[in-house]
Amino acid sequence: MTGVVLDPPPGFPRTGFGTMVRFYDPNIDAWHCVWIAPLSRVVQTFTARRAGDEIILEGKNADGFLERWIFSEITPNSFNWRAVESRDQGQTWHLDQRIWAVRISPEK
């Protein structure tokens, strides 16, 4: 098909956008989460729980390694997000990605 562009627009990371569907399961007191990133063809499942002042999503990445997505320093206008990975069944973790997010006000 001509005219179809599979790459994201300039300035957007290849795997940097997608959507998450989540629902609370009272039987395990946690959230089931599914992250879908269509451009990179990634579908990833997590279980999410609050741990102190953080929200931690736990699952496995596309390579089968343990992964945690951790939201911390959460305020009404910002949060810190980091993805950590373990290749030794949770004995050690290394930082894979980090994002500091700040809400911006729409221009009037």
PDB file of N, CA and C in Angstrom:
ATOM      1  N   MET A   1       0.852  -1.167   0.000  1.00  0.00           N
ATOM      2  CA  MET A   1       0.000   0.000   0.000  1.00  0.00           C
ATOM      3  C   MET A   1       0.898   1.231   0.000  1.00  0.00           C
ATOM      4  N   THR A   2       0.713   2.136  -0.901  1.00  0.00           N
ATOM      5  CA  THR A   2       1.538   3.330  -0.955  1.00  0.00           C
ATOM      6  C   THR A   2       0.953   4.399  -0.053  1.00  0.00           C
ATOM      7  N   GLY A   3       1.813   5.273   0.396  1.00  0.00           N
ATOM      8  CA  GLY A   3       1.378   6.379   1.226  1.00  0.00           C
ATOM      9  C   GLY A   3       1.266   6.048   2.708  1.00  0.00           C
ATOM     10  N   VAL A   4       1.529   4.811   3.093  1.00  0.00           N
ATOM     11  CA  VAL A   4       1.454   4.429   4.501  1.00  0.00           C
ATOM     12  C   VAL A   4       2.824   4.645   5.137  1.00  0.00           C
ATOM     13  N   VAL A   5       2.849   5.388   6.220  1.00  0.00           N
ATOM     14  CA  VAL A   5       4.085   5.664   6.942  1.00  0.00           C
ATOM     15  C   VAL A   5       4.034   4.915   8.264  1.00  0.00           C
ATOM     16  N   LEU A   6       4.980   4.016   8.490  1.00  0.00           N
ATOM     17  CA  LEU A   6       4.994   3.241   9.724  1.00  0.00           C
ATOM     18  C   LEU A   6       5.836   3.886  10.812  1.00  0.00           C
ATOM     19  N   ASP A   7       6.728   4.792  10.448  1.00  0.00           N
ATOM     20  CA  ASP A   7       7.572   5.435  11.451  1.00  0.00           C
ATOM     21  C   ASP A   7       6.798   6.540  12.154  1.00  0.00           C
ATOM     22  N   PRO A   8       7.104   6.766  13.457  1.00  0.00           N
ATOM     23  CA  PRO A   8       6.448   7.873  14.155  1.00  0.00           C
ATOM     24  C   PRO A   8       6.949   9.211  13.610  1.00  0.00           C
ATOM     25  N   PRO A   9       6.216  10.284  13.881  1.00  0.00           N
ATOM     26  CA  PRO A   9       6.642  11.611  13.431  1.00  0.00           C
ATOM     27  C   PRO A   9       8.011  11.980  14.006  1.00  0.00           C
ATOM     28  N   PRO A  10       8.739  12.893  13.361  1.00  0.00           N
ATOM     29  CA  PRO A  10      10.035  13.324  13.882  1.00  0.00           C
ATOM     30  C   PRO A  10       9.911  13.809  15.325  1.00  0.00           C
ATOM     31  N   GLY A  11      10.861  13.409  16.153  1.00  0.00           N
ATOM     32  CA  GLY A  11      10.864  13.827  17.544  1.00  0.00           C
ATOM     33  C   GLY A  11      10.165  12.861  18.480  1.00  0.00           C
ATOM     34  N   PHE A  12       9.448  11.884  17.948  1.00  0.00           N
ATOM     35  CA  PHE A  12       8.774  10.892  18.783  1.00  0.00           C
ATOM     36  C   PHE A  12       9.602   9.609  18.805  1.00  0.00           C
ATOM     37  N   PRO A  13       9.820   9.032  19.992  1.00  0.00           N
ATOM     38  CA  PRO A  13      10.557   7.771  20.052  1.00  0.00           C
ATOM     39  C   PRO A  13       9.730   6.638  19.455  1.00  0.00           C
ATOM     40  N   ARG A  14      10.396   5.648  18.899  1.00  0.00           N
ATOM     41  CA  ARG A  14       9.724   4.546  18.217  1.00  0.00           C
ATOM     42  C   ARG A  14       8.798   3.762  19.151  1.00  0.00           C
ATOM     43  N   THR A  15       9.210   3.521  20.379  1.00  0.00           N
ATOM     44  CA  THR A  15       8.374   2.748  21.289  1.00  0.00           C
ATOM     45  C   THR A  15       7.732   3.631  22.349  1.00  0.00           C
ATOM     46  N   GLY A  16       7.777   4.941  22.156  1.00  0.00           N
ATOM     47  CA  GLY A  16       7.397   5.863  23.205  1.00  0.00           C
ATOM     48  C   GLY A  16       5.937   6.162  23.374  1.00  0.00           C
ATOM     49  N   PHE A  17       5.060   5.592  22.563  1.00  0.00           N
ATOM     50  CA  PHE A  17       3.669   5.878  22.829  1.00  0.00           C
ATOM     51  C   PHE A  17       2.813   4.646  22.613  1.00  0.00           C
ATOM     52  N   GLY A  18       1.743   4.617  23.361  1.00  0.00           N
ATOM     53  CA  GLY A  18       0.824   3.497  23.335  1.00  0.00           C
ATOM     54  C   GLY A  18      -0.308   3.803  24.290  1.00  0.00           C
ATOM     55  N   THR A  19      -0.978   2.772  24.727  1.00  0.00           N
ATOM     56  CA  THR A  19      -2.075   2.953  25.659  1.00  0.00           C
ATOM     57  C   THR A  19      -2.078   1.814  26.667  1.00  0.00           C
ATOM     58  N   MET A  20      -2.679   2.073  27.810  1.00  0.00           N
ATOM     59  CA  MET A  20      -2.778   1.039  28.830  1.00  0.00           C
ATOM     60  C   MET A  20      -4.234   0.857  29.222  1.00  0.00           C
ATOM     61  N   VAL A  21      -4.643  -0.394  29.288  1.00  0.00           N
ATOM     62  CA  VAL A  21      -5.956  -0.759  29.793  1.00  0.00           C
ATOM     63  C   VAL A  21      -5.728  -1.410  31.148  1.00  0.00           C
ATOM     64  N   ARG A  22      -6.523  -1.013  32.157  1.00  0.00           N
ATOM     65  CA  ARG A  22      -6.318  -1.563  33.491  1.00  0.00           C
ATOM     66  C   ARG A  22      -7.657  -1.708  34.197  1.00  0.00           C
ATOM     67  N   PHE A  23      -7.691  -2.695  35.113  1.00  0.00           N
ATOM     68  CA  PHE A  23      -8.875  -2.858  35.945  1.00  0.00           C
ATOM     69  C   PHE A  23      -8.456  -3.420  37.290  1.00  0.00           C
ATOM     70  N   TYR A  24      -9.191  -3.023  38.305  1.00  0.00           N
ATOM     71  CA  TYR A  24      -8.898  -3.429  39.670  1.00  0.00           C
ATOM     72  C   TYR A  24      -9.493  -4.805  39.944  1.00  0.00           C
ATOM     73  N   ASP A  25      -8.728  -5.662  40.605  1.00  0.00           N
ATOM     74  CA  ASP A  25      -9.166  -7.003  40.985  1.00  0.00           C
ATOM     75  C   ASP A  25      -9.164  -7.095  42.511  1.00  0.00           C
ATOM     76  N   PRO A  26     -10.325  -7.019  43.153  1.00  0.00           N
ATOM     77  CA  PRO A  26     -10.361  -7.055  44.622  1.00  0.00           C
ATOM     78  C   PRO A  26      -9.882  -8.384  45.202  1.00  0.00           C
ATOM     79  N   ASN A  27      -9.911  -9.462  44.422  1.00  0.00           N
ATOM     80  CA  ASN A  27      -9.452 -10.758  44.923  1.00  0.00           C
ATOM     81  C   ASN A  27      -7.956 -10.767  45.224  1.00  0.00           C
ATOM     82  N   ILE A  28      -7.188  -9.951  44.511  1.00  0.00           N
ATOM     83  CA  ILE A  28      -5.740  -9.880  44.763  1.00  0.00           C
ATOM     84  C   ILE A  28      -5.317  -8.500  45.255  1.00  0.00           C
ATOM     85  N   ASP A  29      -6.286  -7.591  45.427  1.00  0.00           N
ATOM     86  CA  ASP A  29      -6.015  -6.221  45.856  1.00  0.00           C
ATOM     87  C   ASP A  29      -4.939  -5.574  44.989  1.00  0.00           C
ATOM     88  N   ALA A  30      -5.135  -5.672  43.674  1.00  0.00           N
ATOM     89  CA  ALA A  30      -4.163  -5.130  42.717  1.00  0.00           C
ATOM     90  C   ALA A  30      -4.887  -4.830  41.404  1.00  0.00           C
ATOM     91  N   TRP A  31      -4.171  -4.143  40.531  1.00  0.00           N
ATOM     92  CA  TRP A  31      -4.678  -3.805  39.210  1.00  0.00           C
ATOM     93  C   TRP A  31      -4.029  -4.715  38.171  1.00  0.00           C
ATOM     94  N   HIS A  32      -4.827  -5.233  37.243  1.00  0.00           N
ATOM     95  CA  HIS A  32      -4.305  -5.918  36.058  1.00  0.00           C
ATOM     96  C   HIS A  32      -4.138  -4.836  34.990  1.00  0.00           C
ATOM     97  N   CYS A  33      -2.977  -4.780  34.350  1.00  0.00           N
ATOM     98  CA  CYS A  33      -2.679  -3.732  33.366  1.00  0.00           C
ATOM     99  C   CYS A  33      -2.138  -4.374  32.090  1.00  0.00           C
ATOM    100  N   VAL A  34      -2.548  -3.840  30.949  1.00  0.00           N
ATOM    101  CA  VAL A  34      -2.033  -4.280  29.658  1.00  0.00           C
ATOM    102  C   VAL A  34      -1.570  -3.042  28.898  1.00  0.00           C
ATOM    103  N   TRP A  35      -0.272  -2.979  28.593  1.00  0.00           N
ATOM    104  CA  TRP A  35       0.322  -1.884  27.817  1.00  0.00           C
ATOM    105  C   TRP A  35       0.390  -2.324  26.361  1.00  0.00           C
ATOM    106  N   ILE A  36      -0.099  -1.469  25.457  1.00  0.00           N
ATOM    107  CA  ILE A  36      -0.103  -1.766  24.033  1.00  0.00           C
ATOM    108  C   ILE A  36       0.583  -0.621  23.306  1.00  0.00           C
ATOM    109  N   ALA A  37       1.664  -0.944  22.576  1.00  0.00           N
ATOM    110  CA  ALA A  37       2.390   0.042  21.772  1.00  0.00           C
ATOM    111  C   ALA A  37       2.376  -0.461  20.324  1.00  0.00           C
ATOM    112  N   PRO A  38       1.398  -0.030  19.526  1.00  0.00           N
ATOM    113  CA  PRO A  38       1.205  -0.626  18.208  1.00  0.00           C
ATOM    114  C   PRO A  38       2.354  -0.444  17.224  1.00  0.00           C
ATOM    115  N   LEU A  39       3.030   0.707  17.237  1.00  0.00           N
ATOM    116  CA  LEU A  39       4.116   0.902  16.271  1.00  0.00           C
ATOM    117  C   LEU A  39       5.260  -0.074  16.492  1.00  0.00           C
ATOM    118  N   SER A  40       5.534  -0.396  17.746  1.00  0.00           N
ATOM    119  CA  SER A  40       6.616  -1.338  18.033  1.00  0.00           C
ATOM    120  C   SER A  40       6.093  -2.760  18.224  1.00  0.00           C
ATOM    121  N   ARG A  41       4.777  -2.920  18.089  1.00  0.00           N
ATOM    122  CA  ARG A  41       4.126  -4.228  18.213  1.00  0.00           C
ATOM    123  C   ARG A  41       4.394  -4.872  19.573  1.00  0.00           C
ATOM    124  N   VAL A  42       4.286  -4.078  20.634  1.00  0.00           N
ATOM    125  CA  VAL A  42       4.512  -4.555  21.991  1.00  0.00           C
ATOM    126  C   VAL A  42       3.184  -4.632  22.729  1.00  0.00           C
ATOM    127  N   VAL A  43       2.948  -5.782  23.342  1.00  0.00           N
ATOM    128  CA  VAL A  43       1.837  -5.964  24.264  1.00  0.00           C
ATOM    129  C   VAL A  43       2.460  -6.551  25.529  1.00  0.00           C
ATOM    130  N   GLN A  44       2.282  -5.855  26.636  1.00  0.00           N
ATOM    131  CA  GLN A  44       2.941  -6.250  27.875  1.00  0.00           C
ATOM    132  C   GLN A  44       1.933  -6.205  29.008  1.00  0.00           C
ATOM    133  N   THR A  45       1.930  -7.234  29.854  1.00  0.00           N
ATOM    134  CA  THR A  45       0.992  -7.279  30.975  1.00  0.00           C
ATOM    135  C   THR A  45       1.724  -7.057  32.293  1.00  0.00           C
ATOM    136  N   PHE A  46       1.018  -6.421  33.228  1.00  0.00           N
ATOM    137  CA  PHE A  46       1.572  -6.111  34.539  1.00  0.00           C
ATOM    138  C   PHE A  46       0.514  -6.343  35.607  1.00  0.00           C
ATOM    139  N   THR A  47       0.983  -6.481  36.845  1.00  0.00           N
ATOM    140  CA  THR A  47       0.148  -6.382  38.030  1.00  0.00           C
ATOM    141  C   THR A  47       0.643  -5.160  38.787  1.00  0.00           C
ATOM    142  N   ALA A  48      -0.263  -4.265  39.163  1.00  0.00           N
ATOM    143  CA  ALA A  48       0.126  -2.997  39.797  1.00  0.00           C
ATOM    144  C   ALA A  48      -0.403  -2.920  41.220  1.00  0.00           C
ATOM    145  N   ARG A  49       0.471  -2.433  42.106  1.00  0.00           N
ATOM    146  CA  ARG A  49       0.095  -2.227  43.505  1.00  0.00           C
ATOM    147  C   ARG A  49       0.768  -0.966  44.029  1.00  0.00           C
ATOM    148  N   ARG A  50       0.143  -0.409  45.051  1.00  0.00           N
ATOM    149  CA  ARG A  50       0.765   0.700  45.770  1.00  0.00           C
ATOM    150  C   ARG A  50       1.751   0.111  46.763  1.00  0.00           C
ATOM    151  N   ALA A  51       2.917   0.726  46.847  1.00  0.00           N
ATOM    152  CA  ALA A  51       3.947   0.326  47.814  1.00  0.00           C
ATOM    153  C   ALA A  51       4.459   1.603  48.463  1.00  0.00           C
ATOM    154  N   GLY A  52       3.932   1.930  49.634  1.00  0.00           N
ATOM    155  CA  GLY A  52       4.279   3.198  50.277  1.00  0.00           C
ATOM    156  C   GLY A  52       3.788   4.350  49.438  1.00  0.00           C
ATOM    157  N   ASP A  53       4.708   5.244  49.059  1.00  0.00           N
ATOM    158  CA  ASP A  53       4.363   6.402  48.242  1.00  0.00           C
ATOM    159  C   ASP A  53       4.520   6.137  46.746  1.00  0.00           C
ATOM    160  N   GLU A  54       4.787   4.900  46.360  1.00  0.00           N
ATOM    161  CA  GLU A  54       5.005   4.564  44.956  1.00  0.00           C
ATOM    162  C   GLU A  54       3.897   3.643  44.444  1.00  0.00           C
ATOM    163  N   ILE A  55       3.775   3.607  43.131  1.00  0.00           N
ATOM    164  CA  ILE A  55       2.938   2.628  42.454  1.00  0.00           C
ATOM    165  C   ILE A  55       3.890   1.788  41.607  1.00  0.00           C
ATOM    166  N   ILE A  56       3.846   0.462  41.807  1.00  0.00           N
ATOM    167  CA  ILE A  56       4.781  -0.423  41.124  1.00  0.00           C
ATOM    168  C   ILE A  56       4.008  -1.413  40.260  1.00  0.00           C
ATOM    169  N   LEU A  57       4.321  -1.401  38.975  1.00  0.00           N
ATOM    170  CA  LEU A  57       3.766  -2.357  38.030  1.00  0.00           C
ATOM    171  C   LEU A  57       4.823  -3.430  37.806  1.00  0.00           C
ATOM    172  N   GLU A  58       4.445  -4.696  37.951  1.00  0.00           N
ATOM    173  CA  GLU A  58       5.393  -5.796  37.783  1.00  0.00           C
ATOM    174  C   GLU A  58       4.917  -6.738  36.688  1.00  0.00           C
ATOM    175  N   GLY A  59       5.852  -7.147  35.840  1.00  0.00           N
ATOM    176  CA  GLY A  59       5.542  -8.078  34.762  1.00  0.00           C
ATOM    177  C   GLY A  59       6.828  -8.574  34.130  1.00  0.00           C
ATOM    178  N   LYS A  60       6.706  -9.071  32.909  1.00  0.00           N
ATOM    179  CA  LYS A  60       7.863  -9.513  32.139  1.00  0.00           C
ATOM    180  C   LYS A  60       7.886  -8.750  30.821  1.00  0.00           C
ATOM    181  N   ASN A  61       9.097  -8.415  30.360  1.00  0.00           N
ATOM    182  CA  ASN A  61       9.210  -7.693  29.093  1.00  0.00           C
ATOM    183  C   ASN A  61       9.181  -8.669  27.919  1.00  0.00           C
ATOM    184  N   ALA A  62       9.329  -8.150  26.708  1.00  0.00           N
ATOM    185  CA  ALA A  62       9.242  -8.973  25.500  1.00  0.00           C
ATOM    186  C   ALA A  62      10.308 -10.058  25.460  1.00  0.00           C
ATOM    187  N   ASP A  63      11.434  -9.859  26.157  1.00  0.00           N
ATOM    188  CA  ASP A  63      12.502 -10.860  26.192  1.00  0.00           C
ATOM    189  C   ASP A  63      12.305 -11.868  27.323  1.00  0.00           C
ATOM    190  N   GLY A  64      11.234 -11.720  28.110  1.00  0.00           N
ATOM    191  CA  GLY A  64      10.946 -12.655  29.184  1.00  0.00           C
ATOM    192  C   GLY A  64      11.597 -12.325  30.511  1.00  0.00           C
ATOM    193  N   PHE A  65      12.245 -11.165  30.608  1.00  0.00           N
ATOM    194  CA  PHE A  65      12.896 -10.770  31.855  1.00  0.00           C
ATOM    195  C   PHE A  65      11.915 -10.015  32.745  1.00  0.00           C
ATOM    196  N   LEU A  66      12.111 -10.119  34.060  1.00  0.00           N
ATOM    197  CA  LEU A  66      11.286  -9.380  35.003  1.00  0.00           C
ATOM    198  C   LEU A  66      11.452  -7.885  34.773  1.00  0.00           C
ATOM    199  N   GLU A  67      10.350  -7.171  34.847  1.00  0.00           N
ATOM    200  CA  GLU A  67      10.394  -5.718  34.657  1.00  0.00           C
ATOM    201  C   GLU A  67       9.452  -5.062  35.652  1.00  0.00           C
ATOM    202  N   ARG A  68       9.864  -3.919  36.137  1.00  0.00           N
ATOM    203  CA  ARG A  68       9.024  -3.089  37.003  1.00  0.00           C
ATOM    204  C   ARG A  68       8.964  -1.691  36.418  1.00  0.00           C
ATOM    205  N   TRP A  69       7.762  -1.158  36.381  1.00  0.00           N
ATOM    206  CA  TRP A  69       7.563   0.251  36.061  1.00  0.00           C
ATOM    207  C   TRP A  69       7.174   0.905  37.373  1.00  0.00           C
ATOM    208  N   ILE A  70       7.930   1.893  37.807  1.00  0.00           N
ATOM    209  CA  ILE A  70       7.757   2.483  39.125  1.00  0.00           C
ATOM    210  C   ILE A  70       7.408   3.964  38.987  1.00  0.00           C
ATOM    211  N   PHE A  71       6.261   4.335  39.530  1.00  0.00           N
ATOM    212  CA  PHE A  71       5.848   5.731  39.591  1.00  0.00           C
ATOM    213  C   PHE A  71       6.132   6.223  41.000  1.00  0.00           C
ATOM    214  N   SER A  72       6.888   7.314  41.105  1.00  0.00           N
ATOM    215  CA  SER A  72       7.244   7.859  42.420  1.00  0.00           C
ATOM    216  C   SER A  72       7.189   9.377  42.375  1.00  0.00           C
ATOM    217  N   GLU A  73       7.369   9.985  43.559  1.00  0.00           N
ATOM    218  CA  GLU A  73       7.330  11.445  43.678  1.00  0.00           C
ATOM    219  C   GLU A  73       6.077  12.003  42.992  1.00  0.00           C
ATOM    220  N   ILE A  74       4.944  11.354  43.255  1.00  0.00           N
ATOM    221  CA  ILE A  74       3.685  11.672  42.589  1.00  0.00           C
ATOM    222  C   ILE A  74       3.045  12.898  43.246  1.00  0.00           C
ATOM    223  N   THR A  75       2.745  13.898  42.430  1.00  0.00           N
ATOM    224  CA  THR A  75       2.021  15.089  42.871  1.00  0.00           C
ATOM    225  C   THR A  75       0.866  15.306  41.880  1.00  0.00           C
ATOM    226  N   PRO A  76      -0.023  16.255  42.152  1.00  0.00           N
ATOM    227  CA  PRO A  76      -1.085  16.528  41.174  1.00  0.00           C
ATOM    228  C   PRO A  76      -0.551  16.985  39.810  1.00  0.00           C
ATOM    229  N   ASN A  77       0.679  17.488  39.775  1.00  0.00           N
ATOM    230  CA  ASN A  77       1.213  18.044  38.531  1.00  0.00           C
ATOM    231  C   ASN A  77       2.477  17.381  38.010  1.00  0.00           C
ATOM    232  N   SER A  78       2.959  16.327  38.673  1.00  0.00           N
ATOM    233  CA  SER A  78       4.197  15.706  38.191  1.00  0.00           C
ATOM    234  C   SER A  78       4.363  14.308  38.774  1.00  0.00           C
ATOM    235  N   PHE A  79       5.264  13.560  38.174  1.00  0.00           N
ATOM    236  CA  PHE A  79       5.661  12.265  38.719  1.00  0.00           C
ATOM    237  C   PHE A  79       6.989  11.856  38.098  1.00  0.00           C
ATOM    238  N   ASN A  80       7.647  10.927  38.750  1.00  0.00           N
ATOM    239  CA  ASN A  80       8.877  10.322  38.257  1.00  0.00           C
ATOM    240  C   ASN A  80       8.506   8.895  37.856  1.00  0.00           C
ATOM    241  N   TRP A  81       8.920   8.465  36.665  1.00  0.00           N
ATOM    242  CA  TRP A  81       8.648   7.113  36.187  1.00  0.00           C
ATOM    243  C   TRP A  81       9.969   6.469  35.798  1.00  0.00           C
ATOM    244  N   ARG A  82      10.149   5.243  36.223  1.00  0.00           N
ATOM    245  CA  ARG A  82      11.345   4.524  35.794  1.00  0.00           C
ATOM    246  C   ARG A  82      10.998   3.070  35.533  1.00  0.00           C
ATOM    247  N   ALA A  83      11.683   2.496  34.566  1.00  0.00           N
ATOM    248  CA  ALA A  83      11.552   1.081  34.246  1.00  0.00           C
ATOM    249  C   ALA A  83      12.861   0.419  34.638  1.00  0.00           C
ATOM    250  N   VAL A  84      12.762  -0.634  35.442  1.00  0.00           N
ATOM    251  CA  VAL A  84      13.937  -1.401  35.834  1.00  0.00           C
ATOM    252  C   VAL A  84      13.733  -2.846  35.387  1.00  0.00           C
ATOM    253  N   GLU A  85      14.840  -3.517  35.104  1.00  0.00           N
ATOM    254  CA  GLU A  85      14.791  -4.874  34.584  1.00  0.00           C
ATOM    255  C   GLU A  85      15.742  -5.762  35.368  1.00  0.00           C
ATOM    256  N   SER A  86      15.340  -7.025  35.545  1.00  0.00           N
ATOM    257  CA  SER A  86      16.193  -8.017  36.191  1.00  0.00           C
ATOM    258  C   SER A  86      16.378  -9.192  35.239  1.00  0.00           C
ATOM    259  N   ARG A  87      17.628  -9.558  35.018  1.00  0.00           N
ATOM    260  CA  ARG A  87      17.930 -10.712  34.171  1.00  0.00           C
ATOM    261  C   ARG A  87      18.336 -11.924  35.002  1.00  0.00           C
ATOM    262  N   ASP A  88      18.187 -11.803  36.348  1.00  0.00           N
ATOM    263  CA  ASP A  88      18.556 -12.915  37.232  1.00  0.00           C
ATOM    264  C   ASP A  88      17.446 -13.202  38.246  1.00  0.00           C
ATOM    265  N   GLN A  89      16.208 -13.187  37.759  1.00  0.00           N
ATOM    266  CA  GLN A  89      15.030 -13.522  38.568  1.00  0.00           C
ATOM    267  C   GLN A  89      14.856 -12.647  39.808  1.00  0.00           C
ATOM    268  N   GLY A  90      15.199 -11.356  39.689  1.00  0.00           N
ATOM    269  CA  GLY A  90      14.948 -10.411  40.761  1.00  0.00           C
ATOM    270  C   GLY A  90      16.068 -10.248  41.768  1.00  0.00           C
ATOM    271  N   GLN A  91      17.206 -10.901  41.544  1.00  0.00           N
ATOM    272  CA  GLN A  91      18.336 -10.738  42.463  1.00  0.00           C
ATOM    273  C   GLN A  91      18.942  -9.345  42.350  1.00  0.00           C
ATOM    274  N   THR A  92      19.075  -8.849  41.119  1.00  0.00           N
ATOM    275  CA  THR A  92      19.586  -7.499  40.884  1.00  0.00           C
ATOM    276  C   THR A  92      18.708  -6.833  39.827  1.00  0.00           C
ATOM    277  N   TRP A  93      18.683  -5.509  39.866  1.00  0.00           N
ATOM    278  CA  TRP A  93      17.871  -4.721  38.947  1.00  0.00           C
ATOM    279  C   TRP A  93      18.734  -3.639  38.324  1.00  0.00           C
ATOM    280  N   HIS A  94      18.512  -3.334  37.040  1.00  0.00           N
ATOM    281  CA  HIS A  94      19.197  -2.199  36.420  1.00  0.00           C
ATOM    282  C   HIS A  94      18.167  -1.280  35.762  1.00  0.00           C
ATOM    283  N   LEU A  95      18.496  -0.007  35.777  1.00  0.00           N
ATOM    284  CA  LEU A  95      17.628   1.019  35.209  1.00  0.00           C
ATOM    285  C   LEU A  95      17.634   0.902  33.692  1.00  0.00           C
ATOM    286  N   ASP A  96      16.448   0.843  33.117  1.00  0.00           N
ATOM    287  CA  ASP A  96      16.301   0.733  31.673  1.00  0.00           C
ATOM    288  C   ASP A  96      15.857   2.061  31.062  1.00  0.00           C
ATOM    289  N   GLN A  97      14.899   2.735  31.724  1.00  0.00           N
ATOM    290  CA  GLN A  97      14.392   4.023  31.246  1.00  0.00           C
ATOM    291  C   GLN A  97      13.976   4.872  32.430  1.00  0.00           C
ATOM    292  N   ARG A  98      13.982   6.187  32.232  1.00  0.00           N
ATOM    293  CA  ARG A  98      13.516   7.107  33.267  1.00  0.00           C
ATOM    294  C   ARG A  98      12.844   8.296  32.586  1.00  0.00           C
ATOM    295  N   ILE A  99      11.717   8.721  33.179  1.00  0.00           N
ATOM    296  CA  ILE A  99      10.988   9.889  32.670  1.00  0.00           C
ATOM    297  C   ILE A  99      10.566  10.737  33.861  1.00  0.00           C
ATOM    298  N   TRP A 100      10.809  12.032  33.784  1.00  0.00           N
ATOM    299  CA  TRP A 100      10.254  12.986  34.741  1.00  0.00           C
ATOM    300  C   TRP A 100       9.145  13.704  33.994  1.00  0.00           C
ATOM    301  N   ALA A 101       7.936  13.556  34.464  1.00  0.00           N
ATOM    302  CA  ALA A 101       6.790  14.139  33.769  1.00  0.00           C
ATOM    303  C   ALA A 101       6.222  15.300  34.561  1.00  0.00           C
ATOM    304  N   VAL A 102       5.877  16.373  33.838  1.00  0.00           N
ATOM    305  CA  VAL A 102       5.287  17.556  34.443  1.00  0.00           C
ATOM    306  C   VAL A 102       4.088  17.951  33.595  1.00  0.00           C
ATOM    307  N   ARG A 103       2.960  18.199  34.262  1.00  0.00           N
ATOM    308  CA  ARG A 103       1.758  18.641  33.565  1.00  0.00           C
ATOM    309  C   ARG A 103       1.987  20.038  33.001  1.00  0.00           C
ATOM    310  N   ILE A 104       1.599  20.236  31.779  1.00  0.00           N
ATOM    311  CA  ILE A 104       1.686  21.577  31.194  1.00  0.00           C
ATOM    312  C   ILE A 104       0.274  22.132  31.061  1.00  0.00           C
ATOM    313  N   SER A 105       0.160  23.430  31.208  1.00  0.00           N
ATOM    314  CA  SER A 105      -1.129  24.081  31.048  1.00  0.00           C
ATOM    315  C   SER A 105      -1.345  24.395  29.575  1.00  0.00           C
ATOM    316  N   PRO A 106      -2.538  24.133  29.069  1.00  0.00           N
ATOM    317  CA  PRO A 106      -2.807  24.487  27.672  1.00  0.00           C
ATOM    318  C   PRO A 106      -2.748  26.007  27.502  1.00  0.00           C
ATOM    319  N   GLU A 107      -2.253  26.406  26.345  1.00  0.00           N
ATOM    320  CA  GLU A 107      -2.211  27.846  26.061  1.00  0.00           C
ATOM    321  C   GLU A 107      -3.623  28.362  25.863  1.00  0.00           C
ATOM    322  N   LYS A 108      -3.837  29.601  26.325  1.00  0.00           N
ATOM    323  CA  LYS A 108      -5.184  30.197  26.202  1.00  0.00           C
ATOM    324  C   LYS A 108      -5.223  31.177  25.066  1.00  0.00           C
TER     325      LYS A 108
END
